[in-house]
Amino acid sequence: SFYERALLKRLLPMLHAYNDAQKSTLPENSGTTVNWRKFASLAIPSSALTEGTTPDGKSLSVTAVTAEAKQYGDYVVISDLLAKTGIDKAMTEGALLCGEQAALLIDSVVLNAMYATTSVMFAGGKATGTITAEDVMKEDDIKKVVLKLKQKNARRFEDGYYHAIISPEQAYSLMGAQGWIDAAKYGSIKKLLKGELGELHGVRFMESTNIKKIGKGED
């Protein structure tokens, strides 16, 4: 029980992408495929109702989203001699390192699924192959992303914000923006997200080193 708690203590705080993901539990003996349904919004009626007349009903527009449950695992080997005579608590350290590895693994699986989407915007509006080290994320890029989300009627999270995971390099670029608000200034009035740095234009930012790099620049 101790080692399980130690593993979870190291694992849970690092699951940035997992925390905001839509999750589903597979019942036992039900296979490995999970199915979700994505429903499109209904168009508003173009005219008022006519007394005594039932209007034509609308059909639901449904898109199937599927995912396959897969198993991942690893372990460390500690000899009985090391466990009994070692100066460091090797078993505890091993449990903590496994928790850290598991967190990065789960986070990477979720992020890789996100990277596979075609809804991508790059710094400065550039294309993938033209990104350089000088193309860093700026405040204007965030404003454009937020505008695109609003145009698509993308729902905000329950806290009323969009959420973003950024690298330390991206954080360095954004924290000097005019509209940036440090998390320390509002941490006493609302619960902070894990790893939250601050907010900008309706987006709350979390920092992580487990971010994919694009070419020679930033995501």
N, C-alpha and C. Protein backbone atom coordinates (compact mmCIF):
# COMPACT_ATOMS: atom_id res chain seq x y z
N SER A 1 0.82 -1.20 0.00
CA SER A 1 0.00 0.00 0.00
C SER A 1 0.86 1.25 0.00
N PHE A 2 1.97 1.21 0.76
CA PHE A 2 2.85 2.37 0.83
C PHE A 2 3.42 2.70 -0.54
N TYR A 3 3.91 1.67 -1.23
CA TYR A 3 4.54 1.92 -2.52
C TYR A 3 3.52 2.34 -3.56
N GLU A 4 2.30 1.84 -3.45
CA GLU A 4 1.24 2.27 -4.37
C GLU A 4 0.91 3.74 -4.16
N ARG A 5 0.85 4.17 -2.91
CA ARG A 5 0.57 5.58 -2.61
C ARG A 5 1.72 6.46 -3.09
N ALA A 6 2.96 5.96 -2.92
CA ALA A 6 4.12 6.73 -3.37
C ALA A 6 4.09 6.89 -4.88
N LEU A 7 3.71 5.83 -5.60
CA LEU A 7 3.63 5.90 -7.06
C LEU A 7 2.58 6.92 -7.50
N LEU A 8 1.39 6.84 -6.89
CA LEU A 8 0.31 7.75 -7.27
C LEU A 8 0.65 9.19 -6.93
N LYS A 9 1.37 9.40 -5.83
CA LYS A 9 1.77 10.75 -5.43
C LYS A 9 2.64 11.39 -6.49
N ARG A 10 3.48 10.60 -7.15
CA ARG A 10 4.37 11.12 -8.19
C ARG A 10 3.65 11.20 -9.53
N LEU A 11 2.63 10.38 -9.73
CA LEU A 11 1.96 10.28 -11.03
C LEU A 11 0.91 11.38 -11.24
N LEU A 12 -0.01 11.53 -10.31
CA LEU A 12 -1.20 12.35 -10.53
C LEU A 12 -0.93 13.82 -10.82
N PRO A 13 0.02 14.50 -10.14
CA PRO A 13 0.20 15.93 -10.41
C PRO A 13 0.70 16.25 -11.81
N MET A 14 1.18 15.26 -12.56
CA MET A 14 1.80 15.54 -13.85
C MET A 14 0.89 15.24 -15.02
N LEU A 15 -0.35 14.84 -14.77
CA LEU A 15 -1.26 14.47 -15.85
C LEU A 15 -2.01 15.68 -16.38
N HIS A 16 -1.31 16.60 -17.02
CA HIS A 16 -1.93 17.83 -17.51
C HIS A 16 -3.00 17.55 -18.57
N ALA A 17 -2.65 16.84 -19.62
CA ALA A 17 -3.59 16.59 -20.71
C ALA A 17 -4.71 15.64 -20.28
N TYR A 18 -4.37 14.67 -19.45
CA TYR A 18 -5.35 13.68 -19.00
C TYR A 18 -6.47 14.33 -18.18
N ASN A 19 -6.12 15.31 -17.37
CA ASN A 19 -7.11 15.93 -16.49
C ASN A 19 -8.27 16.55 -17.27
N ASP A 20 -7.98 17.13 -18.43
CA ASP A 20 -9.02 17.79 -19.22
C ASP A 20 -9.63 16.89 -20.29
N ALA A 21 -9.16 15.65 -20.37
CA ALA A 21 -9.67 14.74 -21.40
C ALA A 21 -11.03 14.18 -20.99
N GLN A 22 -11.83 13.81 -21.99
CA GLN A 22 -13.10 13.12 -21.70
C GLN A 22 -12.77 11.65 -21.46
N LYS A 23 -13.24 11.14 -20.32
CA LYS A 23 -12.88 9.79 -19.93
C LYS A 23 -14.11 8.89 -19.85
N SER A 24 -13.89 7.60 -20.05
CA SER A 24 -14.97 6.62 -19.97
C SER A 24 -14.42 5.34 -19.35
N THR A 25 -15.24 4.67 -18.57
CA THR A 25 -14.83 3.42 -17.92
C THR A 25 -15.38 2.24 -18.70
N LEU A 26 -14.50 1.30 -19.03
CA LEU A 26 -14.92 0.10 -19.73
C LEU A 26 -15.41 -0.95 -18.73
N PRO A 27 -16.65 -1.41 -18.83
CA PRO A 27 -17.11 -2.49 -17.96
C PRO A 27 -16.29 -3.76 -18.21
N GLU A 28 -16.18 -4.59 -17.23
CA GLU A 28 -15.42 -5.83 -17.38
C GLU A 28 -16.02 -6.71 -18.47
N ASN A 29 -15.15 -7.35 -19.23
CA ASN A 29 -15.55 -8.27 -20.31
C ASN A 29 -16.38 -7.59 -21.39
N SER A 30 -16.05 -6.32 -21.70
CA SER A 30 -16.81 -5.60 -22.72
C SER A 30 -15.96 -5.23 -23.93
N GLY A 31 -14.77 -5.83 -24.05
CA GLY A 31 -13.92 -5.51 -25.19
C GLY A 31 -13.00 -4.34 -24.89
N THR A 32 -12.29 -3.90 -25.92
CA THR A 32 -11.29 -2.84 -25.73
C THR A 32 -11.63 -1.53 -26.42
N THR A 33 -12.77 -1.47 -27.10
CA THR A 33 -13.13 -0.26 -27.85
C THR A 33 -14.11 0.60 -27.07
N VAL A 34 -13.78 1.89 -26.98
CA VAL A 34 -14.67 2.86 -26.32
C VAL A 34 -15.30 3.74 -27.39
N ASN A 35 -16.59 3.97 -27.28
CA ASN A 35 -17.31 4.78 -28.27
C ASN A 35 -17.93 6.00 -27.60
N TRP A 36 -17.70 7.15 -28.23
CA TRP A 36 -18.37 8.39 -27.81
C TRP A 36 -19.20 8.89 -28.98
N ARG A 37 -20.14 9.75 -28.69
CA ARG A 37 -20.97 10.36 -29.73
C ARG A 37 -20.83 11.87 -29.65
N LYS A 38 -20.51 12.49 -30.77
CA LYS A 38 -20.38 13.94 -30.84
C LYS A 38 -21.57 14.48 -31.62
N PHE A 39 -22.41 15.28 -30.96
CA PHE A 39 -23.63 15.80 -31.56
C PHE A 39 -23.42 17.24 -32.02
N ALA A 40 -23.81 17.51 -33.26
CA ALA A 40 -23.71 18.86 -33.80
C ALA A 40 -24.88 19.69 -33.30
N SER A 41 -24.68 21.00 -33.18
CA SER A 41 -25.75 21.90 -32.73
C SER A 41 -26.88 21.94 -33.75
N LEU A 42 -28.08 22.17 -33.27
CA LEU A 42 -29.24 22.28 -34.15
C LEU A 42 -29.34 23.68 -34.72
N ALA A 43 -29.70 23.77 -36.01
CA ALA A 43 -29.92 25.08 -36.63
C ALA A 43 -31.18 25.71 -36.04
N ILE A 44 -31.16 27.03 -35.86
CA ILE A 44 -32.33 27.71 -35.29
C ILE A 44 -33.43 27.80 -36.35
N PRO A 45 -34.71 27.73 -35.95
CA PRO A 45 -35.81 27.83 -36.92
C PRO A 45 -35.78 29.17 -37.65
N SER A 46 -36.13 29.15 -38.93
CA SER A 46 -36.09 30.37 -39.75
C SER A 46 -37.41 31.14 -39.71
N SER A 47 -38.45 30.52 -39.16
CA SER A 47 -39.75 31.21 -39.13
C SER A 47 -40.52 30.80 -37.89
N ALA A 48 -41.53 31.59 -37.55
CA ALA A 48 -42.34 31.31 -36.38
C ALA A 48 -43.27 30.12 -36.64
N LEU A 49 -43.82 29.56 -35.57
CA LEU A 49 -44.76 28.45 -35.70
C LEU A 49 -46.09 28.93 -36.28
N THR A 50 -46.74 28.05 -37.00
CA THR A 50 -48.07 28.33 -37.54
C THR A 50 -49.09 27.58 -36.69
N GLU A 51 -50.09 28.26 -36.23
CA GLU A 51 -51.08 27.64 -35.35
C GLU A 51 -51.71 26.42 -36.02
N GLY A 52 -51.75 25.32 -35.25
CA GLY A 52 -52.38 24.10 -35.74
C GLY A 52 -51.51 23.27 -36.66
N THR A 53 -50.28 23.72 -36.90
CA THR A 53 -49.39 22.99 -37.81
C THR A 53 -48.13 22.53 -37.07
N THR A 54 -47.85 21.26 -37.14
CA THR A 54 -46.64 20.71 -36.52
C THR A 54 -45.48 20.85 -37.51
N PRO A 55 -44.43 21.54 -37.14
CA PRO A 55 -43.32 21.72 -38.08
C PRO A 55 -42.56 20.41 -38.31
N ASP A 56 -41.79 20.37 -39.38
CA ASP A 56 -40.97 19.19 -39.65
C ASP A 56 -39.89 19.06 -38.59
N GLY A 57 -39.68 17.86 -38.11
CA GLY A 57 -38.66 17.63 -37.10
C GLY A 57 -37.26 17.62 -37.71
N LYS A 58 -36.28 17.90 -36.89
CA LYS A 58 -34.89 17.90 -37.36
C LYS A 58 -34.22 16.57 -37.00
N SER A 59 -33.31 16.16 -37.83
CA SER A 59 -32.53 14.95 -37.56
C SER A 59 -31.26 15.33 -36.81
N LEU A 60 -30.88 14.48 -35.90
CA LEU A 60 -29.64 14.71 -35.16
C LEU A 60 -28.44 14.38 -36.04
N SER A 61 -27.43 15.24 -35.99
CA SER A 61 -26.19 15.00 -36.71
C SER A 61 -25.16 14.46 -35.71
N VAL A 62 -24.81 13.19 -35.87
CA VAL A 62 -23.95 12.51 -34.90
C VAL A 62 -22.67 12.04 -35.57
N THR A 63 -21.55 12.32 -34.91
CA THR A 63 -20.25 11.82 -35.37
C THR A 63 -19.70 10.85 -34.33
N ALA A 64 -19.32 9.67 -34.77
CA ALA A 64 -18.78 8.67 -33.85
C ALA A 64 -17.30 8.94 -33.58
N VAL A 65 -16.94 8.87 -32.32
CA VAL A 65 -15.54 9.01 -31.91
C VAL A 65 -15.17 7.75 -31.14
N THR A 66 -14.14 7.05 -31.59
CA THR A 66 -13.78 5.79 -30.96
C THR A 66 -12.33 5.82 -30.48
N ALA A 67 -12.07 5.05 -29.48
CA ALA A 67 -10.71 4.91 -28.96
C ALA A 67 -10.54 3.47 -28.51
N GLU A 68 -9.31 2.99 -28.57
CA GLU A 68 -9.03 1.61 -28.17
C GLU A 68 -8.20 1.60 -26.90
N ALA A 69 -8.65 0.85 -25.92
CA ALA A 69 -7.90 0.72 -24.66
C ALA A 69 -6.69 -0.17 -24.88
N LYS A 70 -5.53 0.30 -24.46
CA LYS A 70 -4.30 -0.46 -24.59
C LYS A 70 -3.57 -0.49 -23.26
N GLN A 71 -2.78 -1.54 -23.07
CA GLN A 71 -2.03 -1.68 -21.83
C GLN A 71 -0.58 -1.23 -22.02
N TYR A 72 -0.08 -0.50 -21.06
CA TYR A 72 1.33 -0.11 -21.03
C TYR A 72 1.88 -0.49 -19.65
N GLY A 73 3.14 -0.78 -19.58
CA GLY A 73 3.71 -1.12 -18.28
C GLY A 73 5.22 -1.19 -18.31
N ASP A 74 5.79 -1.15 -17.14
CA ASP A 74 7.25 -1.25 -16.99
C ASP A 74 7.54 -1.58 -15.53
N TYR A 75 8.75 -1.93 -15.22
CA TYR A 75 9.13 -2.19 -13.84
C TYR A 75 10.63 -2.03 -13.68
N VAL A 76 11.06 -1.86 -12.44
CA VAL A 76 12.48 -1.77 -12.13
C VAL A 76 12.88 -3.00 -11.32
N VAL A 77 14.13 -3.39 -11.44
CA VAL A 77 14.64 -4.57 -10.74
C VAL A 77 15.56 -4.12 -9.61
N ILE A 78 15.26 -4.55 -8.41
CA ILE A 78 16.08 -4.23 -7.24
C ILE A 78 16.44 -5.54 -6.54
N SER A 79 17.70 -5.80 -6.36
CA SER A 79 18.13 -7.05 -5.73
C SER A 79 17.84 -7.02 -4.24
N ASP A 80 17.73 -8.20 -3.65
CA ASP A 80 17.49 -8.27 -2.21
C ASP A 80 18.65 -7.70 -1.42
N LEU A 81 19.87 -7.84 -1.95
CA LEU A 81 21.04 -7.31 -1.27
C LEU A 81 20.98 -5.78 -1.22
N LEU A 82 20.60 -5.14 -2.36
CA LEU A 82 20.49 -3.68 -2.39
C LEU A 82 19.38 -3.21 -1.48
N ALA A 83 18.26 -3.93 -1.47
CA ALA A 83 17.13 -3.53 -0.64
C ALA A 83 17.48 -3.58 0.85
N LYS A 84 18.36 -4.51 1.24
CA LYS A 84 18.70 -4.69 2.65
C LYS A 84 19.90 -3.87 3.09
N THR A 85 20.81 -3.58 2.17
CA THR A 85 22.06 -2.94 2.58
C THR A 85 22.28 -1.56 1.97
N GLY A 86 21.49 -1.18 1.01
CA GLY A 86 21.68 0.10 0.35
C GLY A 86 21.44 1.27 1.29
N ILE A 87 22.22 2.34 1.09
CA ILE A 87 22.06 3.55 1.91
C ILE A 87 20.74 4.25 1.58
N ASP A 88 20.41 4.33 0.28
CA ASP A 88 19.16 4.96 -0.15
C ASP A 88 18.02 3.96 -0.11
N LYS A 89 16.79 4.46 0.06
CA LYS A 89 15.61 3.60 0.05
C LYS A 89 15.24 3.30 -1.40
N ALA A 90 15.89 2.29 -1.95
CA ALA A 90 15.78 2.01 -3.38
C ALA A 90 14.34 1.66 -3.78
N MET A 91 13.62 0.92 -2.94
CA MET A 91 12.25 0.54 -3.29
C MET A 91 11.35 1.77 -3.40
N THR A 92 11.50 2.69 -2.45
CA THR A 92 10.69 3.91 -2.49
C THR A 92 11.03 4.75 -3.71
N GLU A 93 12.33 4.92 -3.96
CA GLU A 93 12.75 5.69 -5.12
C GLU A 93 12.27 5.04 -6.41
N GLY A 94 12.32 3.71 -6.47
CA GLY A 94 11.84 3.00 -7.65
C GLY A 94 10.36 3.23 -7.89
N ALA A 95 9.56 3.22 -6.80
CA ALA A 95 8.12 3.47 -6.93
C ALA A 95 7.85 4.88 -7.42
N LEU A 96 8.60 5.85 -6.88
CA LEU A 96 8.43 7.23 -7.30
C LEU A 96 8.79 7.43 -8.77
N LEU A 97 9.89 6.80 -9.20
CA LEU A 97 10.31 6.92 -10.59
C LEU A 97 9.33 6.24 -11.54
N CYS A 98 8.75 5.13 -11.11
CA CYS A 98 7.72 4.47 -11.93
C CYS A 98 6.49 5.36 -12.06
N GLY A 99 6.14 6.06 -10.97
CA GLY A 99 5.01 6.98 -11.04
C GLY A 99 5.28 8.12 -12.00
N GLU A 100 6.50 8.66 -11.97
CA GLU A 100 6.86 9.74 -12.89
C GLU A 100 6.83 9.25 -14.34
N GLN A 101 7.35 8.05 -14.56
CA GLN A 101 7.36 7.48 -15.91
C GLN A 101 5.94 7.24 -16.41
N ALA A 102 5.08 6.71 -15.54
CA ALA A 102 3.69 6.43 -15.92
C ALA A 102 2.95 7.72 -16.28
N ALA A 103 3.22 8.78 -15.51
CA ALA A 103 2.56 10.07 -15.78
C ALA A 103 2.95 10.59 -17.16
N LEU A 104 4.25 10.55 -17.46
CA LEU A 104 4.72 11.02 -18.77
C LEU A 104 4.16 10.15 -19.89
N LEU A 105 4.04 8.85 -19.64
CA LEU A 105 3.50 7.94 -20.65
C LEU A 105 2.04 8.26 -20.96
N ILE A 106 1.22 8.35 -19.90
CA ILE A 106 -0.21 8.63 -20.10
C ILE A 106 -0.39 10.00 -20.76
N ASP A 107 0.36 10.98 -20.28
CA ASP A 107 0.27 12.32 -20.85
C ASP A 107 0.66 12.31 -22.32
N SER A 108 1.69 11.55 -22.67
CA SER A 108 2.16 11.48 -24.06
C SER A 108 1.13 10.82 -24.96
N VAL A 109 0.47 9.77 -24.47
CA VAL A 109 -0.56 9.09 -25.27
C VAL A 109 -1.70 10.06 -25.60
N VAL A 110 -2.14 10.83 -24.60
CA VAL A 110 -3.22 11.80 -24.83
C VAL A 110 -2.76 12.91 -25.77
N LEU A 111 -1.55 13.42 -25.55
CA LEU A 111 -1.04 14.50 -26.39
C LEU A 111 -0.85 14.05 -27.83
N ASN A 112 -0.37 12.82 -28.04
CA ASN A 112 -0.18 12.32 -29.40
C ASN A 112 -1.50 12.23 -30.15
N ALA A 113 -2.57 11.89 -29.44
CA ALA A 113 -3.90 11.88 -30.07
C ALA A 113 -4.31 13.29 -30.46
N MET A 114 -3.95 14.27 -29.62
CA MET A 114 -4.26 15.67 -29.93
C MET A 114 -3.42 16.16 -31.11
N TYR A 115 -2.15 15.74 -31.17
CA TYR A 115 -1.29 16.16 -32.27
C TYR A 115 -1.78 15.63 -33.61
N ALA A 116 -2.55 14.55 -33.59
CA ALA A 116 -3.02 13.94 -34.84
C ALA A 116 -4.16 14.71 -35.49
N THR A 117 -4.69 15.70 -34.78
CA THR A 117 -5.80 16.48 -35.34
C THR A 117 -5.32 17.38 -36.48
N THR A 118 -6.25 17.80 -37.31
CA THR A 118 -5.91 18.71 -38.42
C THR A 118 -6.18 20.16 -38.03
N SER A 119 -6.70 20.37 -36.81
CA SER A 119 -6.98 21.74 -36.35
C SER A 119 -5.71 22.31 -35.71
N VAL A 120 -4.85 22.87 -36.54
CA VAL A 120 -3.54 23.32 -36.08
C VAL A 120 -3.29 24.75 -36.51
N MET A 121 -2.74 25.56 -35.60
CA MET A 121 -2.31 26.91 -35.93
C MET A 121 -0.88 27.08 -35.42
N PHE A 122 -0.03 27.71 -36.22
CA PHE A 122 1.36 27.92 -35.84
C PHE A 122 1.64 29.40 -35.61
N ALA A 123 2.70 29.66 -34.85
CA ALA A 123 3.08 31.03 -34.51
C ALA A 123 3.25 31.87 -35.76
N GLY A 124 2.67 33.07 -35.73
CA GLY A 124 2.81 33.98 -36.85
C GLY A 124 2.05 33.56 -38.09
N GLY A 125 1.19 32.55 -37.97
CA GLY A 125 0.41 32.09 -39.11
C GLY A 125 1.23 31.34 -40.15
N LYS A 126 2.41 30.86 -39.78
CA LYS A 126 3.28 30.18 -40.73
C LYS A 126 2.86 28.73 -40.94
N ALA A 127 3.36 28.14 -42.02
CA ALA A 127 3.13 26.73 -42.30
C ALA A 127 4.18 25.89 -41.58
N THR A 128 3.93 24.59 -41.48
CA THR A 128 4.81 23.71 -40.72
C THR A 128 6.25 23.79 -41.16
N GLY A 129 6.50 23.69 -42.44
CA GLY A 129 7.86 23.61 -42.93
C GLY A 129 8.65 24.91 -42.91
N THR A 130 7.99 26.02 -42.54
CA THR A 130 8.67 27.32 -42.57
C THR A 130 8.97 27.86 -41.18
N ILE A 131 8.71 27.07 -40.14
CA ILE A 131 8.93 27.53 -38.77
C ILE A 131 10.42 27.55 -38.44
N THR A 132 10.85 28.62 -37.80
CA THR A 132 12.24 28.75 -37.37
C THR A 132 12.28 29.03 -35.87
N ALA A 133 13.47 29.09 -35.32
CA ALA A 133 13.63 29.36 -33.89
C ALA A 133 13.12 30.74 -33.51
N GLU A 134 13.03 31.65 -34.48
CA GLU A 134 12.55 33.00 -34.20
C GLU A 134 11.03 33.08 -34.11
N ASP A 135 10.34 32.04 -34.55
CA ASP A 135 8.88 32.04 -34.56
C ASP A 135 8.35 31.58 -33.21
N VAL A 136 8.34 32.46 -32.23
CA VAL A 136 7.88 32.13 -30.89
C VAL A 136 6.43 32.54 -30.70
N MET A 137 5.78 31.90 -29.73
CA MET A 137 4.39 32.22 -29.45
C MET A 137 4.27 33.62 -28.85
N LYS A 138 3.32 34.40 -29.38
CA LYS A 138 3.11 35.76 -28.90
C LYS A 138 1.65 35.97 -28.51
N GLU A 139 1.39 37.10 -27.89
CA GLU A 139 0.05 37.40 -27.43
C GLU A 139 -0.95 37.40 -28.58
N ASP A 140 -0.55 37.91 -29.72
CA ASP A 140 -1.45 37.97 -30.87
C ASP A 140 -1.85 36.58 -31.34
N ASP A 141 -0.94 35.60 -31.21
CA ASP A 141 -1.26 34.22 -31.59
C ASP A 141 -2.37 33.67 -30.70
N ILE A 142 -2.31 33.98 -29.41
CA ILE A 142 -3.34 33.52 -28.48
C ILE A 142 -4.69 34.14 -28.82
N LYS A 143 -4.69 35.41 -29.15
CA LYS A 143 -5.94 36.09 -29.51
C LYS A 143 -6.56 35.45 -30.75
N LYS A 144 -5.73 35.06 -31.71
CA LYS A 144 -6.25 34.44 -32.93
C LYS A 144 -6.83 33.05 -32.64
N VAL A 145 -6.16 32.29 -31.76
CA VAL A 145 -6.67 30.97 -31.40
C VAL A 145 -8.01 31.09 -30.67
N VAL A 146 -8.09 32.03 -29.73
CA VAL A 146 -9.34 32.24 -28.99
C VAL A 146 -10.46 32.65 -29.94
N LEU A 147 -10.15 33.52 -30.90
CA LEU A 147 -11.14 33.93 -31.89
C LEU A 147 -11.64 32.73 -32.68
N LYS A 148 -10.73 31.87 -33.10
CA LYS A 148 -11.12 30.68 -33.87
C LYS A 148 -12.01 29.76 -33.04
N LEU A 149 -11.68 29.58 -31.77
CA LEU A 149 -12.50 28.75 -30.89
C LEU A 149 -13.89 29.33 -30.72
N LYS A 150 -13.97 30.64 -30.57
CA LYS A 150 -15.28 31.30 -30.42
C LYS A 150 -16.11 31.16 -31.70
N GLN A 151 -15.45 31.30 -32.85
CA GLN A 151 -16.16 31.17 -34.12
C GLN A 151 -16.72 29.76 -34.31
N LYS A 152 -16.04 28.77 -33.74
CA LYS A 152 -16.49 27.37 -33.83
C LYS A 152 -17.43 27.00 -32.67
N ASN A 153 -17.76 28.00 -31.84
CA ASN A 153 -18.62 27.77 -30.66
C ASN A 153 -18.05 26.68 -29.76
N ALA A 154 -16.73 26.66 -29.64
CA ALA A 154 -16.07 25.67 -28.77
C ALA A 154 -16.42 25.97 -27.32
N ARG A 155 -16.87 24.97 -26.61
CA ARG A 155 -17.28 25.17 -25.22
C ARG A 155 -16.05 25.37 -24.34
N ARG A 156 -16.18 26.27 -23.39
CA ARG A 156 -15.13 26.46 -22.40
C ARG A 156 -15.27 25.40 -21.32
N PHE A 157 -14.24 25.26 -20.50
CA PHE A 157 -14.32 24.33 -19.39
C PHE A 157 -15.22 24.91 -18.31
N GLU A 158 -15.51 24.13 -17.28
CA GLU A 158 -16.47 24.53 -16.26
C GLU A 158 -16.06 25.81 -15.54
N ASP A 159 -14.77 26.12 -15.55
CA ASP A 159 -14.31 27.34 -14.88
C ASP A 159 -14.49 28.59 -15.74
N GLY A 160 -15.03 28.40 -16.96
CA GLY A 160 -15.29 29.54 -17.84
C GLY A 160 -14.12 29.92 -18.72
N TYR A 161 -13.05 29.11 -18.74
CA TYR A 161 -11.85 29.42 -19.51
C TYR A 161 -11.54 28.30 -20.49
N TYR A 162 -10.74 28.64 -21.50
CA TYR A 162 -10.06 27.62 -22.30
C TYR A 162 -8.77 27.26 -21.56
N HIS A 163 -8.27 26.05 -21.77
CA HIS A 163 -7.05 25.61 -21.12
C HIS A 163 -5.96 25.34 -22.16
N ALA A 164 -4.73 25.65 -21.82
CA ALA A 164 -3.60 25.43 -22.73
C ALA A 164 -2.42 24.87 -21.95
N ILE A 165 -1.68 23.97 -22.59
CA ILE A 165 -0.45 23.41 -22.03
C ILE A 165 0.70 23.93 -22.87
N ILE A 166 1.66 24.59 -22.24
CA ILE A 166 2.76 25.21 -22.98
C ILE A 166 4.09 24.77 -22.38
N SER A 167 5.12 24.90 -23.20
CA SER A 167 6.47 24.56 -22.78
C SER A 167 7.08 25.71 -21.99
N PRO A 168 8.18 25.48 -21.25
CA PRO A 168 8.85 26.58 -20.55
C PRO A 168 9.29 27.70 -21.50
N GLU A 169 9.69 27.33 -22.73
CA GLU A 169 10.10 28.34 -23.70
C GLU A 169 8.92 29.22 -24.12
N GLN A 170 7.77 28.60 -24.32
CA GLN A 170 6.58 29.36 -24.67
C GLN A 170 6.12 30.23 -23.51
N ALA A 171 6.26 29.70 -22.30
CA ALA A 171 5.91 30.48 -21.11
C ALA A 171 6.80 31.72 -21.00
N TYR A 172 8.07 31.55 -21.30
CA TYR A 172 9.01 32.67 -21.26
C TYR A 172 8.58 33.78 -22.22
N SER A 173 8.06 33.38 -23.39
CA SER A 173 7.63 34.36 -24.39
C SER A 173 6.34 35.06 -23.98
N LEU A 174 5.40 34.31 -23.38
CA LEU A 174 4.08 34.86 -23.10
C LEU A 174 4.00 35.66 -21.81
N MET A 175 4.83 35.33 -20.83
CA MET A 175 4.69 35.96 -19.51
C MET A 175 5.03 37.45 -19.53
N GLY A 176 5.62 37.92 -20.61
CA GLY A 176 5.88 39.35 -20.73
C GLY A 176 4.81 40.08 -21.51
N ALA A 177 3.75 39.35 -21.92
CA ALA A 177 2.68 39.97 -22.70
C ALA A 177 1.92 40.99 -21.86
N GLN A 178 1.38 41.99 -22.51
CA GLN A 178 0.69 43.09 -21.82
C GLN A 178 -0.51 42.59 -21.02
N GLY A 179 -1.26 41.64 -21.58
CA GLY A 179 -2.47 41.19 -20.90
C GLY A 179 -2.27 40.02 -19.95
N TRP A 180 -1.04 39.56 -19.78
CA TRP A 180 -0.76 38.40 -18.95
C TRP A 180 -1.04 38.70 -17.48
N ILE A 181 -1.71 37.73 -16.79
CA ILE A 181 -1.96 37.83 -15.35
C ILE A 181 -1.34 36.62 -14.67
N ASP A 182 -0.40 36.83 -13.77
CA ASP A 182 0.24 35.73 -13.06
C ASP A 182 -0.76 35.02 -12.16
N ALA A 183 -0.60 33.68 -12.07
CA ALA A 183 -1.51 32.89 -11.24
C ALA A 183 -1.44 33.29 -9.77
N ALA A 184 -0.28 33.80 -9.36
CA ALA A 184 -0.12 34.22 -7.95
C ALA A 184 -1.08 35.33 -7.58
N LYS A 185 -1.56 36.11 -8.55
CA LYS A 185 -2.44 37.24 -8.27
C LYS A 185 -3.89 36.82 -8.06
N TYR A 186 -4.26 35.61 -8.53
CA TYR A 186 -5.65 35.18 -8.34
C TYR A 186 -5.74 33.81 -7.66
N GLY A 187 -4.60 33.27 -7.24
CA GLY A 187 -4.61 31.96 -6.62
C GLY A 187 -5.39 31.90 -5.31
N SER A 188 -5.58 33.03 -4.67
CA SER A 188 -6.30 33.05 -3.40
C SER A 188 -7.81 33.10 -3.58
N ILE A 189 -8.28 33.37 -4.80
CA ILE A 189 -9.72 33.51 -5.02
C ILE A 189 -10.30 32.40 -5.89
N LYS A 190 -9.46 31.61 -6.54
CA LYS A 190 -9.97 30.46 -7.28
C LYS A 190 -8.92 29.37 -7.31
N LYS A 191 -9.39 28.14 -7.41
CA LYS A 191 -8.51 26.98 -7.37
C LYS A 191 -7.65 26.93 -8.63
N LEU A 192 -6.35 26.80 -8.43
CA LEU A 192 -5.43 26.76 -9.56
C LEU A 192 -5.39 25.37 -10.18
N LEU A 193 -5.16 25.33 -11.48
CA LEU A 193 -4.92 24.08 -12.18
C LEU A 193 -3.51 23.60 -11.84
N LYS A 194 -3.26 22.32 -11.99
CA LYS A 194 -1.93 21.79 -11.71
C LYS A 194 -0.92 22.36 -12.69
N GLY A 195 0.10 23.00 -12.17
CA GLY A 195 1.12 23.59 -13.02
C GLY A 195 0.71 24.91 -13.65
N GLU A 196 -0.37 25.53 -13.15
CA GLU A 196 -0.86 26.77 -13.77
C GLU A 196 0.09 27.94 -13.53
N LEU A 197 0.36 28.66 -14.62
CA LEU A 197 1.25 29.83 -14.56
C LEU A 197 0.49 31.14 -14.53
N GLY A 198 -0.60 31.21 -15.29
CA GLY A 198 -1.34 32.45 -15.39
C GLY A 198 -2.40 32.37 -16.46
N GLU A 199 -3.01 33.50 -16.76
CA GLU A 199 -4.07 33.53 -17.77
C GLU A 199 -3.87 34.71 -18.72
N LEU A 200 -4.42 34.54 -19.92
CA LEU A 200 -4.29 35.56 -20.95
C LEU A 200 -5.44 35.42 -21.93
N HIS A 201 -6.23 36.48 -22.07
CA HIS A 201 -7.34 36.51 -23.04
C HIS A 201 -8.29 35.32 -22.91
N GLY A 202 -8.63 34.97 -21.66
CA GLY A 202 -9.59 33.90 -21.44
C GLY A 202 -9.03 32.50 -21.51
N VAL A 203 -7.71 32.38 -21.48
CA VAL A 203 -7.04 31.08 -21.51
C VAL A 203 -6.19 30.92 -20.26
N ARG A 204 -6.32 29.79 -19.58
CA ARG A 204 -5.47 29.48 -18.44
C ARG A 204 -4.34 28.55 -18.91
N PHE A 205 -3.12 28.91 -18.57
CA PHE A 205 -1.95 28.21 -19.10
C PHE A 205 -1.27 27.35 -18.03
N MET A 206 -0.98 26.10 -18.40
CA MET A 206 -0.22 25.18 -17.57
C MET A 206 1.12 24.89 -18.25
N GLU A 207 2.16 24.77 -17.46
CA GLU A 207 3.50 24.55 -18.00
C GLU A 207 3.88 23.08 -17.90
N SER A 208 4.49 22.56 -18.96
CA SER A 208 4.97 21.18 -18.97
C SER A 208 6.16 21.06 -19.91
N THR A 209 7.11 20.22 -19.56
CA THR A 209 8.24 19.95 -20.45
C THR A 209 7.92 18.83 -21.43
N ASN A 210 6.77 18.17 -21.24
CA ASN A 210 6.38 17.06 -22.11
C ASN A 210 5.56 17.59 -23.29
N ILE A 211 6.18 18.47 -24.06
CA ILE A 211 5.52 19.11 -25.20
C ILE A 211 6.31 18.81 -26.46
N LYS A 212 5.60 18.45 -27.52
CA LYS A 212 6.24 18.12 -28.79
C LYS A 212 6.80 19.38 -29.45
N LYS A 213 7.99 19.26 -29.98
CA LYS A 213 8.62 20.37 -30.71
C LYS A 213 8.39 20.20 -32.20
N ILE A 214 8.16 21.32 -32.87
CA ILE A 214 7.94 21.32 -34.32
C ILE A 214 9.13 21.97 -34.99
N GLY A 215 9.88 21.20 -35.75
CA GLY A 215 11.04 21.74 -36.46
C GLY A 215 12.05 22.34 -35.51
N LYS A 216 12.54 23.54 -35.84
CA LYS A 216 13.53 24.21 -35.00
C LYS A 216 12.90 25.25 -34.07
N GLY A 217 11.58 25.38 -34.15
CA GLY A 217 10.93 26.39 -33.30
C GLY A 217 10.09 25.75 -32.24
N GLU A 218 9.01 26.44 -31.86
CA GLU A 218 8.13 25.97 -30.82
C GLU A 218 6.82 25.50 -31.44
N ASP A 219 6.02 24.78 -30.64
CA ASP A 219 4.67 24.42 -31.07
C ASP A 219 3.84 25.67 -31.21
